[in-house]
Amino acid sequence: MLEKFIEEVERRQKRFVVYSDEAVDVAEQLATRNVTVERRDLPSTDPEPFVEIYDGDRFLGGIDLDDLQVLLEPPIVRPNDPEAVGEAYRALLEVLDGTVFATLDRQQLQATSREFESRAWQVGQGTLRVGFQSLSAFEPQTAAYRRLGEETDLDIHVYGQPDWSPPTIPNVTYHRDTGRTLAPYWFMAFDGGDEESQRCALVAREHEDGYRGFWTYDPSLVGDILATLEAGT
């Protein structure tokens, strides 16, 4: 059900061209992302190292190398008004939106999930769909989701294998994955309520060495993920 989204995003490989006279670790920082990295000598006309970002042969923008290294740490926080930031920053967000990660550990997934939950809390309305793989994994999060359910107008849907009986929480609907269709996936998708710019989604499939997947702030892609989850329940 969700694998098609990982495969679709994986095909969107991006290219970073790093201009620097010194060895830099950008390639290592980007090793878990679905991008290629090239290094070239810094032109004499440019005093500071920088990075050009391409989608295929299409130039998306450039950014100072130091700024890129700061921005690469997850979770990537998207500004409420994309027009309020520079073109290069928007280009970087365009690249990182929906970029596949070769490996994601639980700490990275939890950090991104907390950011999305906070976003949903602040908006206070809309639909939030969350997959815990098994309902027993939801147990430690019961208090947090009780607060979300009781103190906001969110419509919350929790998915997982029925290995635990969760408590009744206002505005929370449980979907018992008896067919194990969603068992391999850690996912979260929020429709942003009335604010499309607040849409976000995370989809990751568990493998022996961790998780492979992506997070995205692309409103169209988030909408497709939400529609697929709704249709499958």
Protein backbone atom coordinates (compact mmCIF):
# COMPACT_ATOMS: atom_id res chain seq x y z
CA MET A 1 0.00 0.00 0.00
CA LEU A 2 2.72 2.48 0.99
CA GLU A 3 5.67 0.95 -0.86
CA LYS A 4 4.68 2.70 -4.09
CA PHE A 5 5.38 6.07 -2.49
CA ILE A 6 8.88 5.05 -1.39
CA GLU A 7 9.61 3.74 -4.89
CA GLU A 8 8.23 6.89 -6.52
CA VAL A 9 10.33 9.22 -4.38
CA GLU A 10 13.42 7.05 -4.77
CA ARG A 11 13.35 7.67 -8.51
CA ARG A 12 13.71 11.42 -7.95
CA GLN A 13 17.47 11.44 -7.46
CA LYS A 14 19.05 14.87 -7.00
CA ARG A 15 22.62 16.09 -7.57
CA PHE A 16 24.74 18.31 -5.31
CA VAL A 17 27.87 19.95 -6.77
CA VAL A 18 30.19 21.11 -3.98
CA TYR A 19 32.70 23.86 -4.79
CA SER A 20 35.50 23.82 -2.23
CA ASP A 21 39.30 23.68 -2.21
CA GLU A 22 39.27 21.57 0.94
CA ALA A 23 37.93 18.10 1.61
CA VAL A 24 34.45 18.35 3.10
CA ASP A 25 32.16 15.74 4.61
CA VAL A 26 29.00 16.70 2.71
CA ALA A 27 29.08 13.39 0.85
CA GLU A 28 29.15 11.57 4.18
CA GLN A 29 26.31 13.72 5.54
CA LEU A 30 24.28 12.96 2.42
CA ALA A 31 25.21 9.28 2.26
CA THR A 32 21.81 8.22 3.57
CA ARG A 33 19.92 10.41 1.11
CA ASN A 34 18.99 9.68 -2.46
CA VAL A 35 21.43 12.19 -3.97
CA THR A 36 24.75 12.14 -5.78
CA VAL A 37 27.56 14.46 -4.68
CA GLU A 38 30.31 15.88 -6.90
CA ARG A 39 33.24 18.00 -5.69
CA ARG A 40 34.89 20.69 -7.80
CA ASP A 41 37.58 23.28 -7.12
CA LEU A 42 36.37 26.61 -5.81
CA PRO A 43 36.37 29.27 -8.57
CA SER A 44 38.78 32.14 -7.94
CA THR A 45 35.87 34.57 -8.09
CA ASP A 46 34.12 32.94 -5.10
CA PRO A 47 35.80 33.35 -1.70
CA GLU A 48 33.53 30.97 0.23
CA PRO A 49 32.66 27.31 -0.49
CA PHE A 50 29.18 26.79 -1.89
CA VAL A 51 26.89 24.09 -3.26
CA GLU A 52 24.79 23.99 -6.43
CA ILE A 53 21.67 21.84 -6.40
CA TYR A 54 20.30 20.10 -9.51
CA ASP A 55 17.30 17.96 -10.34
CA GLY A 56 18.74 16.07 -13.29
CA ASP A 57 20.10 18.86 -15.47
CA ARG A 58 17.74 21.46 -14.01
CA PHE A 59 19.48 23.97 -11.75
CA LEU A 60 17.45 24.53 -8.57
CA GLY A 61 19.65 26.97 -6.69
CA GLY A 62 22.79 27.47 -4.68
CA ILE A 63 23.64 27.78 -0.99
CA ASP A 64 26.73 28.44 1.13
CA LEU A 65 28.35 25.19 2.24
CA ASP A 66 28.26 26.18 5.92
CA ASP A 67 24.53 26.90 5.73
CA LEU A 68 23.89 23.57 4.03
CA GLN A 69 25.69 21.60 6.72
CA VAL A 70 23.58 23.25 9.43
CA LEU A 71 20.33 22.61 7.56
CA LEU A 72 21.02 18.93 6.94
CA GLU A 73 20.26 17.93 10.53
CA PRO A 74 16.71 16.49 10.86
CA PRO A 75 14.00 17.37 11.25
CA ILE A 76 13.96 19.92 8.44
CA VAL A 77 11.60 22.66 9.62
CA ARG A 78 9.77 24.24 6.72
CA PRO A 79 8.90 27.96 7.08
CA ASN A 80 5.21 28.85 7.25
CA ASP A 81 5.72 31.27 4.36
CA PRO A 82 8.18 29.85 1.80
CA GLU A 83 8.31 33.23 0.04
CA ALA A 84 9.76 34.81 3.17
CA VAL A 85 13.07 32.94 2.80
CA GLY A 86 15.73 33.09 0.11
CA GLU A 87 15.57 31.26 -3.21
CA ALA A 88 18.50 29.01 -2.29
CA TYR A 89 16.83 27.89 0.93
CA ARG A 90 13.63 27.11 -0.97
CA ALA A 91 15.71 25.12 -3.46
CA LEU A 92 17.25 23.09 -0.64
CA LEU A 93 13.81 22.37 0.81
CA GLU A 94 12.62 21.32 -2.64
CA VAL A 95 15.49 18.84 -2.77
CA LEU A 96 14.99 17.47 0.73
CA ASP A 97 11.20 17.29 0.46
CA GLY A 98 10.49 13.67 -0.32
CA THR A 99 14.12 12.58 -0.48
CA VAL A 100 14.59 8.86 0.20
CA PHE A 101 16.89 7.92 3.06
CA ALA A 102 18.88 4.70 2.76
CA THR A 103 18.80 4.19 6.52
CA LEU A 104 16.85 5.83 9.29
CA ASP A 105 17.20 4.80 12.91
CA ARG A 106 14.46 5.01 15.51
CA GLN A 107 15.90 8.19 17.00
CA GLN A 108 15.63 10.01 13.66
CA LEU A 109 12.10 8.72 13.13
CA GLN A 110 11.06 9.77 16.62
CA ALA A 111 12.51 13.27 16.17
CA THR A 112 10.61 13.76 12.91
CA SER A 113 7.42 12.30 14.40
CA ARG A 114 7.61 14.70 17.36
CA GLU A 115 7.99 17.64 14.97
CA PHE A 116 4.93 16.54 12.99
CA GLU A 117 2.87 15.97 16.15
CA SER A 118 3.85 19.44 17.37
CA ARG A 119 2.78 20.89 14.04
CA ALA A 120 -0.61 19.16 14.30
CA TRP A 121 -0.99 20.38 17.90
CA GLN A 122 -0.30 23.98 16.89
CA VAL A 123 -2.76 23.88 13.98
CA GLY A 124 -5.30 22.20 16.26
CA GLN A 125 -7.55 20.79 13.55
CA GLY A 126 -7.44 18.50 10.55
CA THR A 127 -6.69 14.80 10.12
CA LEU A 128 -3.64 13.03 11.53
CA ARG A 129 -2.99 9.39 10.53
CA VAL A 130 -0.28 7.51 12.41
CA GLY A 131 1.07 3.97 12.03
CA PHE A 132 2.77 2.31 15.01
CA GLN A 133 3.32 -1.10 13.33
CA SER A 134 1.69 -2.70 16.40
CA LEU A 135 -0.82 -1.20 18.82
CA SER A 136 1.40 -2.21 21.75
CA ALA A 137 3.96 0.30 20.42
CA PHE A 138 1.28 2.98 20.86
CA GLU A 139 0.98 2.29 24.61
CA PRO A 140 3.89 4.59 25.68
CA GLN A 141 2.34 7.39 23.58
CA THR A 142 -1.14 7.11 25.09
CA ALA A 143 -0.81 10.18 27.33
CA ALA A 144 0.48 12.36 24.49
CA TYR A 145 -2.33 11.30 22.17
CA ARG A 146 -4.93 11.70 24.90
CA ARG A 147 -3.83 15.32 25.16
CA LEU A 148 -4.02 15.73 21.38
CA GLY A 149 -7.46 14.13 21.30
CA GLU A 150 -8.93 16.01 24.25
CA GLU A 151 -7.42 19.46 23.76
CA THR A 152 -7.64 19.91 19.97
CA ASP A 153 -10.17 19.35 17.19
CA LEU A 154 -7.89 16.90 15.41
CA ASP A 155 -9.36 13.77 13.83
CA ILE A 156 -6.72 11.18 14.78
CA HIS A 157 -6.40 7.70 13.27
CA VAL A 158 -4.00 5.17 14.81
CA TYR A 159 -2.97 2.01 12.93
CA GLY A 160 -1.29 -1.14 14.19
CA GLN A 161 -1.41 -4.90 14.60
CA PRO A 162 -3.97 -5.79 17.30
CA ASP A 163 -1.57 -7.11 19.94
CA TRP A 164 -2.88 -4.76 22.65
CA SER A 165 -6.25 -3.22 23.52
CA PRO A 166 -5.83 0.57 23.58
CA PRO A 167 -8.03 2.80 25.74
CA THR A 168 -10.86 4.92 24.38
CA ILE A 169 -9.62 8.45 23.68
CA PRO A 170 -11.77 11.30 22.36
CA ASN A 171 -11.24 11.98 18.64
CA VAL A 172 -8.98 8.92 18.25
CA THR A 173 -10.03 6.05 15.96
CA TYR A 174 -8.10 2.77 15.97
CA HIS A 175 -7.54 0.70 12.84
CA ARG A 176 -6.53 -2.87 13.63
CA ASP A 177 -4.19 -4.13 10.94
CA THR A 178 -5.25 -7.77 11.09
CA GLY A 179 -3.94 -8.46 7.60
CA ARG A 180 -0.49 -7.03 8.47
CA THR A 181 -0.63 -4.83 5.36
CA LEU A 182 0.94 -1.93 7.24
CA ALA A 183 3.01 -3.95 9.71
CA PRO A 184 6.42 -3.12 8.15
CA TYR A 185 5.77 0.64 8.07
CA TRP A 186 6.31 3.51 10.47
CA PHE A 187 4.23 6.37 9.09
CA MET A 188 2.58 9.65 9.96
CA ALA A 189 0.59 12.00 7.73
CA PHE A 190 -1.09 15.30 8.63
CA ASP A 191 -3.37 17.17 6.23
CA GLY A 192 -2.63 20.60 7.75
CA GLY A 193 -6.24 21.36 8.60
CA ASP A 194 -7.15 24.59 6.82
CA GLU A 195 -3.47 25.39 6.22
CA GLU A 196 -2.11 23.44 3.26
CA SER A 197 1.39 24.76 4.00
CA GLN A 198 1.33 22.70 7.23
CA ARG A 199 0.92 19.36 5.43
CA CYS A 200 3.61 16.80 6.20
CA ALA A 201 4.17 13.05 6.02
CA LEU A 202 6.69 10.40 6.99
CA VAL A 203 6.77 6.91 5.47
CA ALA A 204 9.47 4.39 6.39
CA ARG A 205 9.69 0.62 5.95
CA GLU A 206 11.58 -1.50 8.46
CA HIS A 207 14.52 -3.59 7.21
CA GLU A 208 17.14 -5.64 9.03
CA ASP A 209 19.54 -2.67 9.20
CA GLY A 210 16.97 -0.01 10.09
CA TYR A 211 14.30 1.84 8.15
CA ARG A 212 14.20 3.07 4.57
CA GLY A 213 11.83 5.83 3.58
CA PHE A 214 11.28 9.56 3.44
CA TRP A 215 9.58 12.54 4.96
CA THR A 216 7.95 15.25 2.88
CA TYR A 217 6.18 18.59 3.05
CA ASP A 218 4.92 18.37 -0.53
CA PRO A 219 1.15 19.04 -0.24
CA SER A 220 0.28 16.89 -3.25
CA LEU A 221 2.32 13.90 -2.10
CA VAL A 222 0.95 14.19 1.44
CA GLY A 223 -2.57 14.25 0.01
CA ASP A 224 -1.93 11.08 -1.99
CA ILE A 225 -0.59 9.28 1.10
CA LEU A 226 -3.61 10.33 3.17
CA ALA A 227 -6.02 9.25 0.42
CA THR A 228 -4.35 5.83 0.17
CA LEU A 229 -4.57 5.28 3.92
CA GLU A 230 -8.20 6.39 4.04
CA ALA A 231 -9.15 4.14 1.11
CA GLY A 232 -7.47 1.17 2.76
CA THR A 233 -9.41 1.44 6.02
